[in-house]
Amino acid sequence: MMRRVAVLLFISSILFLSGCSNNKPPENSFVTNLPREETGSRNKPAVSDDAYANGLRAMVHKDYYKAIEFFEKVVPEDKNFQDACNQLKVAKKALAKDLIDKARANFVSGNIKAALANIEEAFSLDGNMHEAKELRQQIKAAYEASLRAEMKKKMAVYEGEGDVVMAVKDVRLQQASDNYVFVHVLISVKNKGNKLVRLIPNNFTLSAPDGESAGIHYDTYDLPDYFGPVDLQRGESASGRLIFLISKSPVYTLEYNGFEDMAAKKVVP
């Protein structure tokens, strides 16, 4: 009996030391006085505090890109988090203002592409710059106009995948209805191959970006300078006008599909 009691006491002592016991140790025990491991926000702000301080230094030097980068690293547990958020807003507004000034300078100097990049970045930082909205519209319009001018220059360059190469010399629109227009296209075609090439007007099509496609309109044959069937020897060229009835679009693609030759050109009215 005494041996059984001793075993039970031994097991109880093991349970107490292992922390599995429900018995609370005395207040003055060694377990109570052990230093506890620091947890929570005290361990996290080390890097965050550096980011906050670095952000403030960047603001002093007006390096707003760096300031934004640092303030965005401040964690919510940081005691400076709210001020970091406020400073972040200030940095973004200041950077947006600088970018607007750059956009205006680039626009005046004719660097439209850089101006557009500047002003779009500015509005991504601060979308409430009402005073810059008109400038943004002007820059966008100028950029679109420059793209169209560049595309028109490319229209005059001969292109093709075979012996037939094609260039577009002129494009004009004639209103047909509310949604449709007659597209008049003056083309020039060359034979750069070694064999005879026969060109047929019905092999030309005009397509819009949405997939709509149109063959030549019969009004083509009423034109005094329409593009008719022609045989071209090596190095010879021919030009003439074609008419297509199609939905109105800011840009089209003119294609020639012969038996052995293909050519395509972007057409900008």
C-alpha atoms as a PDB file:
ATOM      1  CA  MET A   1       0.000   0.000   0.000  1.00  0.00           C
ATOM      2  CA  MET A   2       2.785   2.405   0.939  1.00  0.00           C
ATOM      3  CA  ARG A   3       4.541   1.598  -2.341  1.00  0.00           C
ATOM      4  CA  ARG A   4       1.377   2.516  -4.333  1.00  0.00           C
ATOM      5  CA  VAL A   5       1.088   5.878  -2.564  1.00  0.00           C
ATOM      6  CA  ALA A   6       4.714   6.657  -3.336  1.00  0.00           C
ATOM      7  CA  VAL A   7       4.208   5.971  -7.039  1.00  0.00           C
ATOM      8  CA  LEU A   8       1.165   8.278  -7.154  1.00  0.00           C
ATOM      9  CA  LEU A   9       3.091  11.077  -5.470  1.00  0.00           C
ATOM     10  CA  PHE A  10       5.930  10.653  -7.987  1.00  0.00           C
ATOM     11  CA  ILE A  11       3.551  10.914 -10.971  1.00  0.00           C
ATOM     12  CA  SER A  12       1.885  14.019  -9.493  1.00  0.00           C
ATOM     13  CA  SER A  13       5.225  15.740  -9.130  1.00  0.00           C
ATOM     14  CA  ILE A  14       6.071  15.027 -12.795  1.00  0.00           C
ATOM     15  CA  LEU A  15       2.741  16.466 -13.994  1.00  0.00           C
ATOM     16  CA  PHE A  16       3.258  19.634 -11.974  1.00  0.00           C
ATOM     17  CA  LEU A  17       6.751  20.254 -13.352  1.00  0.00           C
ATOM     18  CA  SER A  18       5.668  19.623 -16.967  1.00  0.00           C
ATOM     19  CA  GLY A  19       2.946  22.368 -16.896  1.00  0.00           C
ATOM     20  CA  CYS A  20       0.102  19.924 -17.506  1.00  0.00           C
ATOM     21  CA  SER A  21      -1.266  20.346 -13.944  1.00  0.00           C
ATOM     22  CA  ASN A  22      -4.245  22.595 -13.332  1.00  0.00           C
ATOM     23  CA  ASN A  23      -2.765  23.623 -10.000  1.00  0.00           C
ATOM     24  CA  LYS A  24      -1.549  27.242  -9.984  1.00  0.00           C
ATOM     25  CA  PRO A  25       2.046  27.561  -8.734  1.00  0.00           C
ATOM     26  CA  PRO A  26       2.733  29.898  -5.812  1.00  0.00           C
ATOM     27  CA  GLU A  27       3.194  33.568  -6.664  1.00  0.00           C
ATOM     28  CA  ASN A  28       6.764  33.538  -5.375  1.00  0.00           C
ATOM     29  CA  SER A  29       7.701  30.428  -7.323  1.00  0.00           C
ATOM     30  CA  PHE A  30      10.558  30.320  -9.822  1.00  0.00           C
ATOM     31  CA  VAL A  31       8.110  29.807 -12.745  1.00  0.00           C
ATOM     32  CA  THR A  32       6.259  33.052 -11.959  1.00  0.00           C
ATOM     33  CA  ASN A  33       9.444  35.111 -11.804  1.00  0.00           C
ATOM     34  CA  LEU A  34      10.873  33.924 -15.149  1.00  0.00           C
ATOM     35  CA  PRO A  35      11.326  36.821 -17.638  1.00  0.00           C
ATOM     36  CA  ARG A  36       8.609  36.640 -20.309  1.00  0.00           C
ATOM     37  CA  GLU A  37       9.374  36.796 -24.022  1.00  0.00           C
ATOM     38  CA  GLU A  38       8.459  40.152 -25.619  1.00  0.00           C
ATOM     39  CA  THR A  39       5.604  39.794 -28.123  1.00  0.00           C
ATOM     40  CA  GLY A  40       3.416  41.990 -30.304  1.00  0.00           C
ATOM     41  CA  SER A  41       4.240  45.476 -31.520  1.00  0.00           C
ATOM     42  CA  ARG A  42       7.524  45.826 -29.568  1.00  0.00           C
ATOM     43  CA  ASN A  43       9.262  43.354 -31.847  1.00  0.00           C
ATOM     44  CA  LYS A  44       7.889  44.651 -35.173  1.00  0.00           C
ATOM     45  CA  PRO A  45       8.660  48.394 -35.355  1.00  0.00           C
ATOM     46  CA  ALA A  46      12.466  48.025 -35.673  1.00  0.00           C
ATOM     47  CA  VAL A  47      12.413  48.051 -39.485  1.00  0.00           C
ATOM     48  CA  SER A  48       9.279  50.193 -39.558  1.00  0.00           C
ATOM     49  CA  ASP A  49      10.860  52.881 -37.373  1.00  0.00           C
ATOM     50  CA  ASP A  50      13.781  53.085 -39.794  1.00  0.00           C
ATOM     51  CA  ALA A  51      11.371  53.413 -42.711  1.00  0.00           C
ATOM     52  CA  TYR A  52       9.496  56.232 -40.988  1.00  0.00           C
ATOM     53  CA  ALA A  53      12.693  58.133 -40.167  1.00  0.00           C
ATOM     54  CA  ASN A  54      14.066  57.609 -43.671  1.00  0.00           C
ATOM     55  CA  GLY A  55      10.789  58.842 -45.104  1.00  0.00           C
ATOM     56  CA  LEU A  56      11.022  62.057 -43.088  1.00  0.00           C
ATOM     57  CA  ARG A  57      14.599  62.608 -44.263  1.00  0.00           C
ATOM     58  CA  ALA A  58      13.521  62.076 -47.867  1.00  0.00           C
ATOM     59  CA  MET A  59      10.767  64.668 -47.406  1.00  0.00           C
ATOM     60  CA  VAL A  60      13.327  67.215 -46.176  1.00  0.00           C
ATOM     61  CA  HIS A  61      15.350  66.666 -49.353  1.00  0.00           C
ATOM     62  CA  LYS A  62      12.175  66.685 -51.488  1.00  0.00           C
ATOM     63  CA  ASP A  63      12.943  63.192 -52.758  1.00  0.00           C
ATOM     64  CA  TYR A  64       9.280  62.271 -52.951  1.00  0.00           C
ATOM     65  CA  TYR A  65       9.804  58.953 -54.720  1.00  0.00           C
ATOM     66  CA  LYS A  66      11.958  57.723 -51.826  1.00  0.00           C
ATOM     67  CA  ALA A  67       9.595  59.227 -49.259  1.00  0.00           C
ATOM     68  CA  ILE A  68       6.646  57.325 -50.724  1.00  0.00           C
ATOM     69  CA  GLU A  69       8.686  54.118 -50.802  1.00  0.00           C
ATOM     70  CA  PHE A  70       9.645  54.425 -47.118  1.00  0.00           C
ATOM     71  CA  PHE A  71       6.270  55.558 -45.758  1.00  0.00           C
ATOM     72  CA  GLU A  72       4.546  52.637 -47.472  1.00  0.00           C
ATOM     73  CA  LYS A  73       6.754  50.274 -45.434  1.00  0.00           C
ATOM     74  CA  VAL A  74       5.523  51.544 -42.056  1.00  0.00           C
ATOM     75  CA  VAL A  75       3.445  48.786 -40.444  1.00  0.00           C
ATOM     76  CA  PRO A  76       0.075  49.404 -38.733  1.00  0.00           C
ATOM     77  CA  GLU A  77       1.507  48.344 -35.341  1.00  0.00           C
ATOM     78  CA  ASP A  78       4.017  51.194 -35.473  1.00  0.00           C
ATOM     79  CA  LYS A  79       3.232  54.149 -33.209  1.00  0.00           C
ATOM     80  CA  ASN A  80       4.084  56.431 -36.157  1.00  0.00           C
ATOM     81  CA  PHE A  81       1.749  54.658 -38.549  1.00  0.00           C
ATOM     82  CA  GLN A  82      -0.937  57.367 -38.675  1.00  0.00           C
ATOM     83  CA  ASP A  83       1.576  60.136 -39.217  1.00  0.00           C
ATOM     84  CA  ALA A  84       3.262  58.015 -41.897  1.00  0.00           C
ATOM     85  CA  CYS A  85      -0.091  57.776 -43.686  1.00  0.00           C
ATOM     86  CA  ASN A  86      -0.498  61.540 -43.526  1.00  0.00           C
ATOM     87  CA  GLN A  87       3.047  62.115 -44.747  1.00  0.00           C
ATOM     88  CA  LEU A  88       2.437  59.637 -47.570  1.00  0.00           C
ATOM     89  CA  LYS A  89      -0.507  61.717 -48.800  1.00  0.00           C
ATOM     90  CA  VAL A  90       1.602  64.880 -48.658  1.00  0.00           C
ATOM     91  CA  ALA A  91       4.434  63.199 -50.574  1.00  0.00           C
ATOM     92  CA  LYS A  92       2.087  61.938 -53.287  1.00  0.00           C
ATOM     93  CA  LYS A  93       0.502  65.358 -53.757  1.00  0.00           C
ATOM     94  CA  ALA A  94       3.907  67.048 -53.905  1.00  0.00           C
ATOM     95  CA  LEU A  95       5.223  64.518 -56.421  1.00  0.00           C
ATOM     96  CA  ALA A  96       2.060  64.859 -58.512  1.00  0.00           C
ATOM     97  CA  LYS A  97       2.563  68.629 -58.636  1.00  0.00           C
ATOM     98  CA  ASP A  98       6.183  68.193 -59.757  1.00  0.00           C
ATOM     99  CA  LEU A  99       5.069  65.774 -62.465  1.00  0.00           C
ATOM    100  CA  ILE A 100       2.444  68.232 -63.704  1.00  0.00           C
ATOM    101  CA  ASP A 101       5.154  70.886 -64.033  1.00  0.00           C
ATOM    102  CA  LYS A 102       7.309  68.431 -66.003  1.00  0.00           C
ATOM    103  CA  ALA A 103       4.352  67.477 -68.190  1.00  0.00           C
ATOM    104  CA  ARG A 104       3.663  71.120 -68.997  1.00  0.00           C
ATOM    105  CA  ALA A 105       7.333  71.764 -69.855  1.00  0.00           C
ATOM    106  CA  ASN A 106       7.543  68.676 -72.080  1.00  0.00           C
ATOM    107  CA  PHE A 107       4.279  69.609 -73.782  1.00  0.00           C
ATOM    108  CA  VAL A 108       5.535  73.102 -74.593  1.00  0.00           C
ATOM    109  CA  SER A 109       8.834  71.725 -75.935  1.00  0.00           C
ATOM    110  CA  GLY A 110       7.010  69.218 -78.157  1.00  0.00           C
ATOM    111  CA  ASN A 111       7.974  66.062 -76.265  1.00  0.00           C
ATOM    112  CA  ILE A 112       4.392  64.804 -76.259  1.00  0.00           C
ATOM    113  CA  LYS A 113       5.129  61.195 -75.309  1.00  0.00           C
ATOM    114  CA  ALA A 114       7.068  62.229 -72.192  1.00  0.00           C
ATOM    115  CA  ALA A 115       4.372  64.774 -71.301  1.00  0.00           C
ATOM    116  CA  LEU A 116       1.706  62.077 -71.466  1.00  0.00           C
ATOM    117  CA  ALA A 117       3.764  59.748 -69.248  1.00  0.00           C
ATOM    118  CA  ASN A 118       4.281  62.558 -66.713  1.00  0.00           C
ATOM    119  CA  ILE A 119       0.654  63.594 -66.475  1.00  0.00           C
ATOM    120  CA  GLU A 120      -0.713  60.043 -66.317  1.00  0.00           C
ATOM    121  CA  GLU A 121       1.666  59.241 -63.456  1.00  0.00           C
ATOM    122  CA  ALA A 122       0.590  62.443 -61.707  1.00  0.00           C
ATOM    123  CA  PHE A 123      -3.092  61.505 -61.906  1.00  0.00           C
ATOM    124  CA  SER A 124      -2.318  58.006 -60.629  1.00  0.00           C
ATOM    125  CA  LEU A 125      -0.912  59.660 -57.485  1.00  0.00           C
ATOM    126  CA  ASP A 126      -3.617  62.298 -57.100  1.00  0.00           C
ATOM    127  CA  GLY A 127      -6.800  61.963 -59.121  1.00  0.00           C
ATOM    128  CA  ASN A 128      -8.361  65.169 -57.789  1.00  0.00           C
ATOM    129  CA  MET A 129      -6.194  67.687 -59.633  1.00  0.00           C
ATOM    130  CA  HIS A 130      -9.032  69.570 -61.300  1.00  0.00           C
ATOM    131  CA  GLU A 131      -6.721  72.390 -62.357  1.00  0.00           C
ATOM    132  CA  ALA A 132      -4.705  69.950 -64.505  1.00  0.00           C
ATOM    133  CA  LYS A 133      -7.603  68.186 -66.250  1.00  0.00           C
ATOM    134  CA  GLU A 134      -7.620  70.574 -69.199  1.00  0.00           C
ATOM    135  CA  LEU A 135      -3.867  70.125 -69.652  1.00  0.00           C
ATOM    136  CA  ARG A 136      -4.341  66.359 -69.548  1.00  0.00           C
ATOM    137  CA  GLN A 137      -6.961  66.527 -72.314  1.00  0.00           C
ATOM    138  CA  GLN A 138      -4.714  68.731 -74.444  1.00  0.00           C
ATOM    139  CA  ILE A 139      -1.775  66.351 -74.059  1.00  0.00           C
ATOM    140  CA  LYS A 140      -3.913  63.309 -74.888  1.00  0.00           C
ATOM    141  CA  ALA A 141      -5.323  64.998 -77.987  1.00  0.00           C
ATOM    142  CA  ALA A 142      -1.845  66.002 -79.133  1.00  0.00           C
ATOM    143  CA  TYR A 143      -0.538  62.478 -78.574  1.00  0.00           C
ATOM    144  CA  GLU A 144      -3.381  60.932 -80.583  1.00  0.00           C
ATOM    145  CA  ALA A 145      -2.768  63.449 -83.363  1.00  0.00           C
ATOM    146  CA  SER A 146       0.935  62.578 -83.395  1.00  0.00           C
ATOM    147  CA  LEU A 147       0.108  58.883 -83.661  1.00  0.00           C
ATOM    148  CA  ARG A 148      -2.212  59.531 -86.584  1.00  0.00           C
ATOM    149  CA  ALA A 149       0.422  61.664 -88.308  1.00  0.00           C
ATOM    150  CA  GLU A 150       2.975  58.893 -87.868  1.00  0.00           C
ATOM    151  CA  MET A 151       0.550  56.315 -89.245  1.00  0.00           C
ATOM    152  CA  LYS A 152      -0.162  58.524 -92.262  1.00  0.00           C
ATOM    153  CA  LYS A 153       3.546  58.729 -92.995  1.00  0.00           C
ATOM    154  CA  LYS A 154       3.768  54.951 -92.874  1.00  0.00           C
ATOM    155  CA  MET A 155       0.836  54.657 -95.311  1.00  0.00           C
ATOM    156  CA  ALA A 156       3.022  56.082 -98.077  1.00  0.00           C
ATOM    157  CA  VAL A 157       5.681  53.372 -97.590  1.00  0.00           C
ATOM    158  CA  TYR A 158       5.421  50.354 -99.908  1.00  0.00           C
ATOM    159  CA  GLU A 159       4.841  47.083 -98.055  1.00  0.00           C
ATOM    160  CA  GLY A 160       3.960  43.504 -98.962  1.00  0.00           C
ATOM    161  CA  GLU A 161       4.842  39.874 -98.283  1.00  0.00           C
ATOM    162  CA  GLY A 162       5.477  38.798-101.881  1.00  0.00           C
ATOM    163  CA  ASP A 163       6.149  40.307-105.287  1.00  0.00           C
ATOM    164  CA  VAL A 164       3.333  42.826-104.823  1.00  0.00           C
ATOM    165  CA  VAL A 165       3.991  45.813-102.578  1.00  0.00           C
ATOM    166  CA  MET A 166       1.407  48.500-101.869  1.00  0.00           C
ATOM    167  CA  ALA A 167       1.303  52.086-100.608  1.00  0.00           C
ATOM    168  CA  VAL A 168      -1.630  54.366 -99.769  1.00  0.00           C
ATOM    169  CA  LYS A 169      -1.315  57.880-101.161  1.00  0.00           C
ATOM    170  CA  ASP A 170      -4.575  59.458-100.019  1.00  0.00           C
ATOM    171  CA  VAL A 171      -7.712  58.665 -97.989  1.00  0.00           C
ATOM    172  CA  ARG A 172     -10.956  60.582 -97.668  1.00  0.00           C
ATOM    173  CA  LEU A 173     -14.403  59.868 -96.261  1.00  0.00           C
ATOM    174  CA  GLN A 174     -17.832  60.519 -97.742  1.00  0.00           C
ATOM    175  CA  GLN A 175     -20.839  60.177 -95.436  1.00  0.00           C
ATOM    176  CA  ALA A 176     -23.278  57.511 -96.654  1.00  0.00           C
ATOM    177  CA  SER A 177     -25.636  57.257 -93.643  1.00  0.00           C
ATOM    178  CA  ASP A 178     -25.579  57.778 -89.901  1.00  0.00           C
ATOM    179  CA  ASN A 179     -23.240  54.841 -89.304  1.00  0.00           C
ATOM    180  CA  TYR A 180     -21.674  54.150 -92.704  1.00  0.00           C
ATOM    181  CA  VAL A 181     -19.185  55.992 -94.879  1.00  0.00           C
ATOM    182  CA  PHE A 182     -17.676  55.637 -98.326  1.00  0.00           C
ATOM    183  CA  VAL A 183     -13.919  55.330 -97.895  1.00  0.00           C
ATOM    184  CA  HIS A 184     -12.052  56.584-100.975  1.00  0.00           C
ATOM    185  CA  VAL A 185      -8.522  55.184-101.102  1.00  0.00           C
ATOM    186  CA  LEU A 186      -5.839  56.167-103.617  1.00  0.00           C
ATOM    187  CA  ILE A 187      -3.359  53.311-103.854  1.00  0.00           C
ATOM    188  CA  SER A 188      -0.120  52.608-105.670  1.00  0.00           C
ATOM    189  CA  VAL A 189       1.056  49.047-106.330  1.00  0.00           C
ATOM    190  CA  LYS A 190       4.448  47.818-107.533  1.00  0.00           C
ATOM    191  CA  ASN A 191       5.735  44.522-108.856  1.00  0.00           C
ATOM    192  CA  LYS A 192       9.138  43.883-107.274  1.00  0.00           C
ATOM    193  CA  GLY A 193       9.322  40.264-108.451  1.00  0.00           C
ATOM    194  CA  ASN A 194      10.683  38.648-111.609  1.00  0.00           C
ATOM    195  CA  LYS A 195       7.431  37.429-113.141  1.00  0.00           C
ATOM    196  CA  LEU A 196       4.329  39.058-114.565  1.00  0.00           C
ATOM    197  CA  VAL A 197       1.679  39.937-111.956  1.00  0.00           C
ATOM    198  CA  ARG A 198      -1.997  40.494-112.743  1.00  0.00           C
ATOM    199  CA  LEU A 199      -3.862  42.684-110.262  1.00  0.00           C
ATOM    200  CA  ILE A 200      -7.659  42.524-109.924  1.00  0.00           C
ATOM    201  CA  PRO A 201      -9.713  45.132-107.972  1.00  0.00           C
ATOM    202  CA  ASN A 202     -11.900  42.438-106.410  1.00  0.00           C
ATOM    203  CA  ASN A 203      -8.837  41.119-104.559  1.00  0.00           C
ATOM    204  CA  PHE A 204      -8.802  44.259-102.380  1.00  0.00           C
ATOM    205  CA  THR A 205     -10.731  44.402 -99.089  1.00  0.00           C
ATOM    206  CA  LEU A 206     -11.040  46.987 -96.348  1.00  0.00           C
ATOM    207  CA  SER A 207     -11.605  45.911 -92.741  1.00  0.00           C
ATOM    208  CA  ALA A 208     -12.335  47.678 -89.457  1.00  0.00           C
ATOM    209  CA  PRO A 209     -10.826  46.811 -86.040  1.00  0.00           C
ATOM    210  CA  ASP A 210     -14.092  45.122 -84.970  1.00  0.00           C
ATOM    211  CA  GLY A 211     -13.730  42.557 -87.772  1.00  0.00           C
ATOM    212  CA  GLU A 212     -16.156  44.092 -90.272  1.00  0.00           C
ATOM    213  CA  SER A 213     -14.872  43.701 -93.831  1.00  0.00           C
ATOM    214  CA  ALA A 214     -15.959  45.152 -97.175  1.00  0.00           C
ATOM    215  CA  GLY A 215     -15.039  44.556-100.802  1.00  0.00           C
ATOM    216  CA  ILE A 216     -14.870  47.357-103.337  1.00  0.00           C
ATOM    217  CA  HIS A 217     -18.111  49.238-103.968  1.00  0.00           C
ATOM    218  CA  TYR A 218     -19.519  49.359-107.506  1.00  0.00           C
ATOM    219  CA  ASP A 219     -19.236  53.179-107.425  1.00  0.00           C
ATOM    220  CA  THR A 220     -15.511  52.584-107.851  1.00  0.00           C
ATOM    221  CA  TYR A 221     -16.005  52.066-111.561  1.00  0.00           C
ATOM    222  CA  ASP A 222     -17.600  55.506-111.943  1.00  0.00           C
ATOM    223  CA  LEU A 223     -14.354  57.190-110.912  1.00  0.00           C
ATOM    224  CA  PRO A 224     -12.227  58.597-113.743  1.00  0.00           C
ATOM    225  CA  ASP A 225      -9.074  57.282-112.059  1.00  0.00           C
ATOM    226  CA  TYR A 226     -10.356  54.036-110.544  1.00  0.00           C
ATOM    227  CA  PHE A 227      -7.954  51.128-110.054  1.00  0.00           C
ATOM    228  CA  GLY A 228      -8.812  48.578-112.742  1.00  0.00           C
ATOM    229  CA  PRO A 229      -7.377  45.194-113.724  1.00  0.00           C
ATOM    230  CA  VAL A 230      -3.748  45.552-114.745  1.00  0.00           C
ATOM    231  CA  ASP A 231      -0.727  43.419-115.690  1.00  0.00           C
ATOM    232  CA  LEU A 232       2.574  44.532-114.192  1.00  0.00           C
ATOM    233  CA  GLN A 233       5.996  43.489-115.402  1.00  0.00           C
ATOM    234  CA  ARG A 234       8.967  43.509-113.039  1.00  0.00           C
ATOM    235  CA  GLY A 235       9.523  47.001-111.613  1.00  0.00           C
ATOM    236  CA  GLU A 236       6.294  48.420-113.034  1.00  0.00           C
ATOM    237  CA  SER A 237       3.678  50.163-110.893  1.00  0.00           C
ATOM    238  CA  ALA A 238       0.049  51.220-111.171  1.00  0.00           C
ATOM    239  CA  SER A 239      -2.153  53.540-109.148  1.00  0.00           C
ATOM    240  CA  GLY A 240      -5.829  54.362-108.862  1.00  0.00           C
ATOM    241  CA  ARG A 241      -8.746  54.842-106.514  1.00  0.00           C
ATOM    242  CA  LEU A 242     -10.980  52.304-104.781  1.00  0.00           C
ATOM    243  CA  ILE A 243     -14.226  52.905-102.865  1.00  0.00           C
ATOM    244  CA  PHE A 244     -15.459  50.859 -99.903  1.00  0.00           C
ATOM    245  CA  LEU A 245     -18.756  51.154 -98.004  1.00  0.00           C
ATOM    246  CA  ILE A 246     -18.124  50.363 -94.342  1.00  0.00           C
ATOM    247  CA  SER A 247     -18.870  51.502 -90.781  1.00  0.00           C
ATOM    248  CA  LYS A 248     -17.085  54.641 -89.667  1.00  0.00           C
ATOM    249  CA  SER A 249     -13.830  53.934 -87.853  1.00  0.00           C
ATOM    250  CA  PRO A 250     -10.697  55.911 -86.927  1.00  0.00           C
ATOM    251  CA  VAL A 251      -8.496  53.350 -88.683  1.00  0.00           C
ATOM    252  CA  TYR A 252      -8.850  50.573 -91.267  1.00  0.00           C
ATOM    253  CA  THR A 253      -6.699  47.859 -92.828  1.00  0.00           C
ATOM    254  CA  LEU A 254      -6.491  47.619 -96.611  1.00  0.00           C
ATOM    255  CA  GLU A 255      -5.547  44.148 -97.833  1.00  0.00           C
ATOM    256  CA  TYR A 256      -4.636  42.676-101.183  1.00  0.00           C
ATOM    257  CA  ASN A 257      -4.985  38.889-101.449  1.00  0.00           C
ATOM    258  CA  GLY A 258      -3.796  37.498-104.754  1.00  0.00           C
ATOM    259  CA  PHE A 259      -3.052  33.918-105.683  1.00  0.00           C
ATOM    260  CA  GLU A 260       0.571  34.146-104.563  1.00  0.00           C
ATOM    261  CA  ASP A 261       0.914  37.613-103.092  1.00  0.00           C
ATOM    262  CA  MET A 262      -0.406  39.444-100.051  1.00  0.00           C
ATOM    263  CA  ALA A 263      -0.081  43.046 -98.970  1.00  0.00           C
ATOM    264  CA  ALA A 264      -1.656  44.998 -96.112  1.00  0.00           C
ATOM    265  CA  LYS A 265      -1.635  48.648 -95.111  1.00  0.00           C
ATOM    266  CA  LYS A 266      -3.094  50.606 -92.220  1.00  0.00           C
ATOM    267  CA  VAL A 267      -5.444  53.281 -93.534  1.00  0.00           C
ATOM    268  CA  VAL A 268      -6.048  56.434 -91.491  1.00  0.00           C
ATOM    269  CA  PRO A 269      -8.717  58.814 -92.847  1.00  0.00           C
END
